[in-house]
Amino acid sequence: LLRSTGDTVSAGTINCDGTLTVEVVRNGDDTVLSDIVQMVEEAQARTAPVQRLADKVSGTFVYSVMGASAATFAFWKLAGPRLFPAVVAGASTAAPGSASLLLALQLACNVLVVACPCALGLATPTAVLVGTSMGATRGLLVRGGDVLERAAGVDTVVLDKTGTLTQGKPRVTAVAAAAAAAAPRRGAYADLPEAAALRFSSSSALRRWFSCSRARMRSMVETLPPGAGPPAPRPPAPRPP
């Protein structure tokens, strides 16, 4: 991104070329970093569609569990001693005549504990919270659980180059020359000096690599004509009108 006098520069910006003189105009809660932290907090508060569905189902399920627990208590308090006297008699109790009451309370509590929809209500928000937090520590900001859920259908991601996926320090790892452009008995690395000459007046990050890696380029070039310097193409002379 190009910047000129009067433009805003975010903290942490990588300066690829030239010198910058900046003035700090914001600090504390007004910085971009503070905005990012606030965005992460808001993202963790946003619910995904599957989370809203789970909350709706668990809300209805809670009343069903409470009803089942109340029915269990009523059954073992009223009909249990007559239908299953051996079970009631086997319940340990210190107060005579209270075996059916304690057994009914115990079974009602067991129903509440076993059938409680805690996992249904906590699984999705916990997964969203952990996912957004882990992504934030790795520089990936997710704007909410709904966005995280829709990300499962993403098949193409488009990113810019310098500064997002790279550090603005390119280096040549391989050179592939077109078959029509490669001269006989010339390696692909023989064209590096010509590329450096073409990039000399450029202001891109690639020029910096060429200008700072002359020794490496010389080691890559297979042959240099003695006393002639690196070869370079010469533009044809203009034809007279």
C-alpha atoms as a PDB file:
ATOM      1  CA  LEU A   1       0.000   0.000   0.000  1.00  0.00           C
ATOM      2  CA  LEU A   2       1.341   3.414  -0.944  1.00  0.00           C
ATOM      3  CA  ARG A   3       1.450   6.141   1.677  1.00  0.00           C
ATOM      4  CA  SER A   4       2.055   9.857   1.223  1.00  0.00           C
ATOM      5  CA  THR A   5       2.102  12.937   3.442  1.00  0.00           C
ATOM      6  CA  GLY A   6      -0.948  13.082   5.689  1.00  0.00           C
ATOM      7  CA  ASP A   7      -1.946   9.429   5.322  1.00  0.00           C
ATOM      8  CA  THR A   8      -2.645   7.210   8.319  1.00  0.00           C
ATOM      9  CA  VAL A   9      -0.164   4.450   9.143  1.00  0.00           C
ATOM     10  CA  SER A  10      -1.219   1.649  11.470  1.00  0.00           C
ATOM     11  CA  ALA A  11       1.075   0.514  14.255  1.00  0.00           C
ATOM     12  CA  GLY A  12       3.049  -2.566  13.262  1.00  0.00           C
ATOM     13  CA  THR A  13       3.083  -1.693   9.557  1.00  0.00           C
ATOM     14  CA  ILE A  14       6.089  -3.068   7.660  1.00  0.00           C
ATOM     15  CA  ASN A  15       7.901  -0.330   5.725  1.00  0.00           C
ATOM     16  CA  CYS A  16       9.178  -1.980   2.557  1.00  0.00           C
ATOM     17  CA  ASP A  17      10.895   1.018   0.981  1.00  0.00           C
ATOM     18  CA  GLY A  18      11.945   4.544   1.905  1.00  0.00           C
ATOM     19  CA  THR A  19      11.819   6.380   5.235  1.00  0.00           C
ATOM     20  CA  LEU A  20       8.739   7.268   7.229  1.00  0.00           C
ATOM     21  CA  THR A  21       8.293  10.073   9.745  1.00  0.00           C
ATOM     22  CA  VAL A  22       5.161   9.388  11.743  1.00  0.00           C
ATOM     23  CA  GLU A  23       3.321  11.131  14.558  1.00  0.00           C
ATOM     24  CA  VAL A  24       1.533   9.176  17.269  1.00  0.00           C
ATOM     25  CA  VAL A  25      -2.021  10.498  17.449  1.00  0.00           C
ATOM     26  CA  ARG A  26      -3.762   7.730  19.403  1.00  0.00           C
ATOM     27  CA  ASN A  27      -2.904   5.513  22.341  1.00  0.00           C
ATOM     28  CA  GLY A  28      -4.527   3.243  24.857  1.00  0.00           C
ATOM     29  CA  ASP A  29      -8.083   2.301  23.992  1.00  0.00           C
ATOM     30  CA  ASP A  30      -7.997   4.229  20.690  1.00  0.00           C
ATOM     31  CA  THR A  31      -5.347   2.078  19.016  1.00  0.00           C
ATOM     32  CA  VAL A  32      -5.951  -0.488  16.298  1.00  0.00           C
ATOM     33  CA  LEU A  33      -4.796  -3.208  18.684  1.00  0.00           C
ATOM     34  CA  SER A  34      -7.510  -2.210  21.141  1.00  0.00           C
ATOM     35  CA  ASP A  35     -10.062  -2.339  18.324  1.00  0.00           C
ATOM     36  CA  ILE A  36      -8.886  -5.850  17.447  1.00  0.00           C
ATOM     37  CA  VAL A  37      -9.225  -6.981  21.065  1.00  0.00           C
ATOM     38  CA  GLN A  38     -12.736  -5.527  21.202  1.00  0.00           C
ATOM     39  CA  MET A  39     -13.623  -7.244  17.948  1.00  0.00           C
ATOM     40  CA  VAL A  40     -12.450 -10.599  19.347  1.00  0.00           C
ATOM     41  CA  GLU A  41     -14.580 -10.080  22.464  1.00  0.00           C
ATOM     42  CA  GLU A  42     -17.615  -9.228  20.341  1.00  0.00           C
ATOM     43  CA  ALA A  43     -16.951 -12.239  18.123  1.00  0.00           C
ATOM     44  CA  GLN A  44     -16.995 -14.545  21.121  1.00  0.00           C
ATOM     45  CA  ALA A  45     -20.361 -13.089  22.160  1.00  0.00           C
ATOM     46  CA  ARG A  46     -21.982 -13.627  18.747  1.00  0.00           C
ATOM     47  CA  THR A  47     -23.843 -16.902  18.511  1.00  0.00           C
ATOM     48  CA  ALA A  48     -23.769 -19.280  15.594  1.00  0.00           C
ATOM     49  CA  PRO A  49     -27.001 -20.633  14.056  1.00  0.00           C
ATOM     50  CA  VAL A  50     -26.263 -24.099  15.419  1.00  0.00           C
ATOM     51  CA  GLN A  51     -25.729 -22.570  18.857  1.00  0.00           C
ATOM     52  CA  ARG A  52     -29.110 -20.835  18.744  1.00  0.00           C
ATOM     53  CA  LEU A  53     -30.695 -24.127  17.728  1.00  0.00           C
ATOM     54  CA  ALA A  54     -28.959 -25.917  20.597  1.00  0.00           C
ATOM     55  CA  ASP A  55     -30.121 -23.250  23.062  1.00  0.00           C
ATOM     56  CA  LYS A  56     -33.695 -23.578  21.825  1.00  0.00           C
ATOM     57  CA  VAL A  57     -33.665 -27.360  22.033  1.00  0.00           C
ATOM     58  CA  SER A  58     -31.967 -27.425  25.431  1.00  0.00           C
ATOM     59  CA  GLY A  59     -34.415 -24.823  26.778  1.00  0.00           C
ATOM     60  CA  THR A  60     -37.330 -27.068  25.866  1.00  0.00           C
ATOM     61  CA  PHE A  61     -35.484 -30.149  27.017  1.00  0.00           C
ATOM     62  CA  VAL A  62     -34.924 -28.693  30.507  1.00  0.00           C
ATOM     63  CA  TYR A  63     -38.648 -28.556  31.207  1.00  0.00           C
ATOM     64  CA  SER A  64     -39.017 -32.126  29.975  1.00  0.00           C
ATOM     65  CA  VAL A  65     -36.261 -33.295  32.325  1.00  0.00           C
ATOM     66  CA  MET A  66     -37.797 -31.417  35.256  1.00  0.00           C
ATOM     67  CA  GLY A  67     -41.164 -33.014  34.484  1.00  0.00           C
ATOM     68  CA  ALA A  68     -39.584 -36.479  34.322  1.00  0.00           C
ATOM     69  CA  SER A  69     -37.845 -35.856  37.644  1.00  0.00           C
ATOM     70  CA  ALA A  70     -41.107 -34.740  39.293  1.00  0.00           C
ATOM     71  CA  ALA A  71     -42.905 -37.786  37.882  1.00  0.00           C
ATOM     72  CA  THR A  72     -40.179 -40.064  39.236  1.00  0.00           C
ATOM     73  CA  PHE A  73     -40.474 -38.513  42.686  1.00  0.00           C
ATOM     74  CA  ALA A  74     -44.263 -38.827  42.694  1.00  0.00           C
ATOM     75  CA  PHE A  75     -44.188 -42.441  41.503  1.00  0.00           C
ATOM     76  CA  TRP A  76     -41.705 -43.668  44.098  1.00  0.00           C
ATOM     77  CA  LYS A  77     -43.324 -41.655  46.883  1.00  0.00           C
ATOM     78  CA  LEU A  78     -46.908 -42.726  46.195  1.00  0.00           C
ATOM     79  CA  ALA A  79     -46.980 -45.960  44.190  1.00  0.00           C
ATOM     80  CA  GLY A  80     -43.456 -47.266  44.716  1.00  0.00           C
ATOM     81  CA  PRO A  81     -43.930 -48.619  48.268  1.00  0.00           C
ATOM     82  CA  ARG A  82     -46.990 -50.657  47.146  1.00  0.00           C
ATOM     83  CA  LEU A  83     -45.598 -51.935  43.840  1.00  0.00           C
ATOM     84  CA  PHE A  84     -41.956 -52.472  44.840  1.00  0.00           C
ATOM     85  CA  PRO A  85     -41.854 -52.946  48.616  1.00  0.00           C
ATOM     86  CA  ALA A  86     -38.552 -54.832  48.492  1.00  0.00           C
ATOM     87  CA  VAL A  87     -36.794 -51.900  46.799  1.00  0.00           C
ATOM     88  CA  VAL A  88     -38.134 -49.424  49.325  1.00  0.00           C
ATOM     89  CA  ALA A  89     -37.268 -51.701  52.242  1.00  0.00           C
ATOM     90  CA  GLY A  90     -33.688 -52.019  50.993  1.00  0.00           C
ATOM     91  CA  ALA A  91     -33.151 -48.252  50.985  1.00  0.00           C
ATOM     92  CA  SER A  92     -30.935 -47.289  53.934  1.00  0.00           C
ATOM     93  CA  THR A  93     -32.403 -44.695  56.261  1.00  0.00           C
ATOM     94  CA  ALA A  94     -31.829 -43.546  59.801  1.00  0.00           C
ATOM     95  CA  ALA A  95     -35.414 -42.346  60.336  1.00  0.00           C
ATOM     96  CA  PRO A  96     -38.104 -45.022  60.466  1.00  0.00           C
ATOM     97  CA  GLY A  97     -40.855 -44.583  57.894  1.00  0.00           C
ATOM     98  CA  SER A  98     -38.878 -42.215  55.648  1.00  0.00           C
ATOM     99  CA  ALA A  99     -37.360 -44.810  53.310  1.00  0.00           C
ATOM    100  CA  SER A 100     -39.828 -44.097  50.500  1.00  0.00           C
ATOM    101  CA  LEU A 101     -39.256 -40.331  50.746  1.00  0.00           C
ATOM    102  CA  LEU A 102     -35.460 -40.596  50.639  1.00  0.00           C
ATOM    103  CA  LEU A 103     -35.565 -43.102  47.797  1.00  0.00           C
ATOM    104  CA  ALA A 104     -37.915 -40.865  45.800  1.00  0.00           C
ATOM    105  CA  LEU A 105     -35.620 -37.844  46.324  1.00  0.00           C
ATOM    106  CA  GLN A 106     -32.555 -39.839  45.349  1.00  0.00           C
ATOM    107  CA  LEU A 107     -34.097 -41.159  42.145  1.00  0.00           C
ATOM    108  CA  ALA A 108     -35.494 -37.726  41.228  1.00  0.00           C
ATOM    109  CA  CYS A 109     -32.033 -36.171  41.649  1.00  0.00           C
ATOM    110  CA  ASN A 110     -30.512 -38.981  39.580  1.00  0.00           C
ATOM    111  CA  VAL A 111     -32.885 -38.172  36.724  1.00  0.00           C
ATOM    112  CA  LEU A 112     -31.916 -34.484  36.887  1.00  0.00           C
ATOM    113  CA  VAL A 113     -28.184 -35.237  36.867  1.00  0.00           C
ATOM    114  CA  VAL A 114     -28.240 -37.864  34.134  1.00  0.00           C
ATOM    115  CA  ALA A 115     -30.706 -36.165  31.761  1.00  0.00           C
ATOM    116  CA  CYS A 116     -29.474 -32.574  32.234  1.00  0.00           C
ATOM    117  CA  PRO A 117     -28.757 -31.034  28.785  1.00  0.00           C
ATOM    118  CA  CYS A 118     -25.499 -29.398  29.926  1.00  0.00           C
ATOM    119  CA  ALA A 119     -23.457 -30.896  27.099  1.00  0.00           C
ATOM    120  CA  LEU A 120     -26.013 -29.766  24.519  1.00  0.00           C
ATOM    121  CA  GLY A 121     -25.982 -26.188  25.785  1.00  0.00           C
ATOM    122  CA  LEU A 122     -22.235 -25.865  26.450  1.00  0.00           C
ATOM    123  CA  ALA A 123     -20.648 -27.767  23.559  1.00  0.00           C
ATOM    124  CA  THR A 124     -21.185 -25.172  20.817  1.00  0.00           C
ATOM    125  CA  PRO A 125     -20.285 -21.989  22.769  1.00  0.00           C
ATOM    126  CA  THR A 126     -17.209 -23.713  24.190  1.00  0.00           C
ATOM    127  CA  ALA A 127     -16.069 -24.745  20.711  1.00  0.00           C
ATOM    128  CA  VAL A 128     -16.628 -21.210  19.358  1.00  0.00           C
ATOM    129  CA  LEU A 129     -14.780 -19.640  22.301  1.00  0.00           C
ATOM    130  CA  VAL A 130     -11.787 -21.940  21.958  1.00  0.00           C
ATOM    131  CA  GLY A 131     -11.707 -21.586  18.165  1.00  0.00           C
ATOM    132  CA  THR A 132     -11.778 -17.785  18.143  1.00  0.00           C
ATOM    133  CA  SER A 133      -9.217 -17.578  20.967  1.00  0.00           C
ATOM    134  CA  MET A 134      -6.780 -19.962  19.287  1.00  0.00           C
ATOM    135  CA  GLY A 135      -7.226 -18.140  15.986  1.00  0.00           C
ATOM    136  CA  ALA A 136      -6.530 -14.768  17.616  1.00  0.00           C
ATOM    137  CA  THR A 137      -3.244 -16.051  19.055  1.00  0.00           C
ATOM    138  CA  ARG A 138      -2.203 -17.011  15.515  1.00  0.00           C
ATOM    139  CA  GLY A 139      -3.241 -13.747  13.888  1.00  0.00           C
ATOM    140  CA  LEU A 140      -6.546 -15.045  12.519  1.00  0.00           C
ATOM    141  CA  LEU A 141      -9.512 -12.916  13.568  1.00  0.00           C
ATOM    142  CA  VAL A 142     -12.987 -14.459  13.364  1.00  0.00           C
ATOM    143  CA  ARG A 143     -15.884 -12.022  13.662  1.00  0.00           C
ATOM    144  CA  GLY A 144     -18.258 -14.461  15.314  1.00  0.00           C
ATOM    145  CA  GLY A 145     -19.514 -17.976  15.662  1.00  0.00           C
ATOM    146  CA  ASP A 146     -21.787 -17.547  12.651  1.00  0.00           C
ATOM    147  CA  VAL A 147     -18.778 -16.640  10.496  1.00  0.00           C
ATOM    148  CA  LEU A 148     -16.852 -19.599  11.890  1.00  0.00           C
ATOM    149  CA  GLU A 149     -19.714 -21.911  10.941  1.00  0.00           C
ATOM    150  CA  ARG A 150     -19.946 -20.536   7.384  1.00  0.00           C
ATOM    151  CA  ALA A 151     -16.185 -20.967   6.969  1.00  0.00           C
ATOM    152  CA  ALA A 152     -16.781 -24.705   6.564  1.00  0.00           C
ATOM    153  CA  GLY A 153     -18.151 -24.013   3.075  1.00  0.00           C
ATOM    154  CA  VAL A 154     -15.224 -21.855   1.896  1.00  0.00           C
ATOM    155  CA  ASP A 155     -13.318 -23.416  -1.004  1.00  0.00           C
ATOM    156  CA  THR A 156     -11.246 -20.420  -2.194  1.00  0.00           C
ATOM    157  CA  VAL A 157      -9.258 -17.872  -0.159  1.00  0.00           C
ATOM    158  CA  VAL A 158      -7.724 -14.800  -1.832  1.00  0.00           C
ATOM    159  CA  LEU A 159      -4.951 -12.929   0.018  1.00  0.00           C
ATOM    160  CA  ASP A 160      -2.590 -10.141  -0.899  1.00  0.00           C
ATOM    161  CA  LYS A 161       1.129 -10.902  -0.977  1.00  0.00           C
ATOM    162  CA  THR A 162       3.668  -8.762   0.871  1.00  0.00           C
ATOM    163  CA  GLY A 163       2.939  -8.271   4.556  1.00  0.00           C
ATOM    164  CA  THR A 164       0.140 -10.815   4.928  1.00  0.00           C
ATOM    165  CA  LEU A 165       1.735 -14.132   4.067  1.00  0.00           C
ATOM    166  CA  THR A 166       5.302 -12.881   3.676  1.00  0.00           C
ATOM    167  CA  GLN A 167       7.707 -10.547   5.476  1.00  0.00           C
ATOM    168  CA  GLY A 168       8.604  -8.415   2.464  1.00  0.00           C
ATOM    169  CA  LYS A 169      11.958 -10.198   2.022  1.00  0.00           C
ATOM    170  CA  PRO A 170      11.691 -12.291  -1.151  1.00  0.00           C
ATOM    171  CA  ARG A 171      14.452 -14.597  -2.320  1.00  0.00           C
ATOM    172  CA  VAL A 172      14.963 -16.656  -5.448  1.00  0.00           C
ATOM    173  CA  THR A 173      14.589 -20.378  -4.854  1.00  0.00           C
ATOM    174  CA  ALA A 174      14.444 -21.507  -8.484  1.00  0.00           C
ATOM    175  CA  VAL A 175      14.516 -20.020 -11.977  1.00  0.00           C
ATOM    176  CA  ALA A 176      12.530 -21.482 -14.859  1.00  0.00           C
ATOM    177  CA  ALA A 177      13.216 -20.105 -18.338  1.00  0.00           C
ATOM    178  CA  ALA A 178      10.792 -20.459 -21.219  1.00  0.00           C
ATOM    179  CA  ALA A 179      11.962 -22.891 -23.865  1.00  0.00           C
ATOM    180  CA  ALA A 180      11.664 -20.274 -26.622  1.00  0.00           C
ATOM    181  CA  ALA A 181      13.642 -17.683 -24.641  1.00  0.00           C
ATOM    182  CA  ALA A 182      16.438 -19.936 -23.412  1.00  0.00           C
ATOM    183  CA  ALA A 183      19.468 -19.691 -25.664  1.00  0.00           C
ATOM    184  CA  PRO A 184      21.534 -22.802 -26.384  1.00  0.00           C
ATOM    185  CA  ARG A 185      24.080 -23.698 -23.694  1.00  0.00           C
ATOM    186  CA  ARG A 186      22.750 -20.983 -21.349  1.00  0.00           C
ATOM    187  CA  GLY A 187      21.403 -21.937 -17.989  1.00  0.00           C
ATOM    188  CA  ALA A 188      18.341 -20.368 -16.465  1.00  0.00           C
ATOM    189  CA  TYR A 189      20.483 -18.492 -13.921  1.00  0.00           C
ATOM    190  CA  ALA A 190      22.302 -16.643 -16.708  1.00  0.00           C
ATOM    191  CA  ASP A 191      19.341 -14.280 -17.023  1.00  0.00           C
ATOM    192  CA  LEU A 192      19.552 -13.063 -13.427  1.00  0.00           C
ATOM    193  CA  PRO A 193      21.927 -10.142 -14.196  1.00  0.00           C
ATOM    194  CA  GLU A 194      19.547  -8.960 -16.903  1.00  0.00           C
ATOM    195  CA  ALA A 195      16.635  -9.159 -14.497  1.00  0.00           C
ATOM    196  CA  ALA A 196      18.649  -7.176 -11.953  1.00  0.00           C
ATOM    197  CA  ALA A 197      19.318  -4.458 -14.532  1.00  0.00           C
ATOM    198  CA  LEU A 198      15.635  -4.220 -15.373  1.00  0.00           C
ATOM    199  CA  ARG A 199      14.730  -4.015 -11.680  1.00  0.00           C
ATOM    200  CA  PHE A 200      17.343  -1.374 -10.843  1.00  0.00           C
ATOM    201  CA  SER A 201      14.994   1.576 -11.334  1.00  0.00           C
ATOM    202  CA  SER A 202      12.005  -0.181  -9.795  1.00  0.00           C
ATOM    203  CA  SER A 203      10.710   0.665  -6.323  1.00  0.00           C
ATOM    204  CA  SER A 204       9.253  -2.756  -5.538  1.00  0.00           C
ATOM    205  CA  ALA A 205      10.514  -5.140  -2.899  1.00  0.00           C
ATOM    206  CA  LEU A 206      12.035  -7.351  -5.601  1.00  0.00           C
ATOM    207  CA  ARG A 207      14.572  -4.658  -6.517  1.00  0.00           C
ATOM    208  CA  ARG A 208      15.923  -4.726  -2.973  1.00  0.00           C
ATOM    209  CA  TRP A 209      16.624  -8.426  -3.248  1.00  0.00           C
ATOM    210  CA  PHE A 210      18.478  -7.971  -6.525  1.00  0.00           C
ATOM    211  CA  SER A 211      20.546  -5.043  -5.227  1.00  0.00           C
ATOM    212  CA  CYS A 212      21.455  -6.789  -1.952  1.00  0.00           C
ATOM    213  CA  SER A 213      22.293 -10.167  -3.443  1.00  0.00           C
ATOM    214  CA  ARG A 214      24.807  -9.410  -6.184  1.00  0.00           C
ATOM    215  CA  ALA A 215      27.329 -11.879  -4.794  1.00  0.00           C
ATOM    216  CA  ARG A 216      24.749 -14.600  -4.729  1.00  0.00           C
ATOM    217  CA  MET A 217      23.651 -13.811  -8.256  1.00  0.00           C
ATOM    218  CA  ARG A 218      27.239 -14.017  -9.464  1.00  0.00           C
ATOM    219  CA  SER A 219      27.532 -17.447  -7.891  1.00  0.00           C
ATOM    220  CA  MET A 220      24.348 -18.531  -9.648  1.00  0.00           C
ATOM    221  CA  VAL A 221      25.476 -17.435 -13.095  1.00  0.00           C
ATOM    222  CA  GLU A 222      27.193 -20.268 -14.918  1.00  0.00           C
ATOM    223  CA  THR A 223      29.420 -18.275 -17.284  1.00  0.00           C
ATOM    224  CA  LEU A 224      30.416 -14.626 -17.617  1.00  0.00           C
ATOM    225  CA  PRO A 225      32.356 -13.440 -20.671  1.00  0.00           C
ATOM    226  CA  PRO A 226      35.823 -12.238 -19.504  1.00  0.00           C
ATOM    227  CA  GLY A 227      36.028  -8.447 -19.493  1.00  0.00           C
ATOM    228  CA  ALA A 228      32.534  -8.053 -20.924  1.00  0.00           C
ATOM    229  CA  GLY A 229      30.473  -8.077 -17.739  1.00  0.00           C
ATOM    230  CA  PRO A 230      27.114  -9.744 -17.415  1.00  0.00           C
ATOM    231  CA  PRO A 231      25.178 -10.140 -20.658  1.00  0.00           C
ATOM    232  CA  ALA A 232      21.997  -8.171 -21.219  1.00  0.00           C
ATOM    233  CA  PRO A 233      19.682  -7.751 -24.197  1.00  0.00           C
ATOM    234  CA  ARG A 234      19.975  -4.592 -26.228  1.00  0.00           C
ATOM    235  CA  PRO A 235      16.842  -2.973 -27.608  1.00  0.00           C
ATOM    236  CA  PRO A 236      16.745  -2.750 -31.400  1.00  0.00           C
ATOM    237  CA  ALA A 237      17.510   0.602 -33.012  1.00  0.00           C
ATOM    238  CA  PRO A 238      14.438   2.520 -34.160  1.00  0.00           C
ATOM    239  CA  ARG A 239      13.741   2.367 -37.862  1.00  0.00           C
ATOM    240  CA  PRO A 240      13.791   5.620 -39.832  1.00  0.00           C
ATOM    241  CA  PRO A 241      10.361   6.812 -40.942  1.00  0.00           C
END
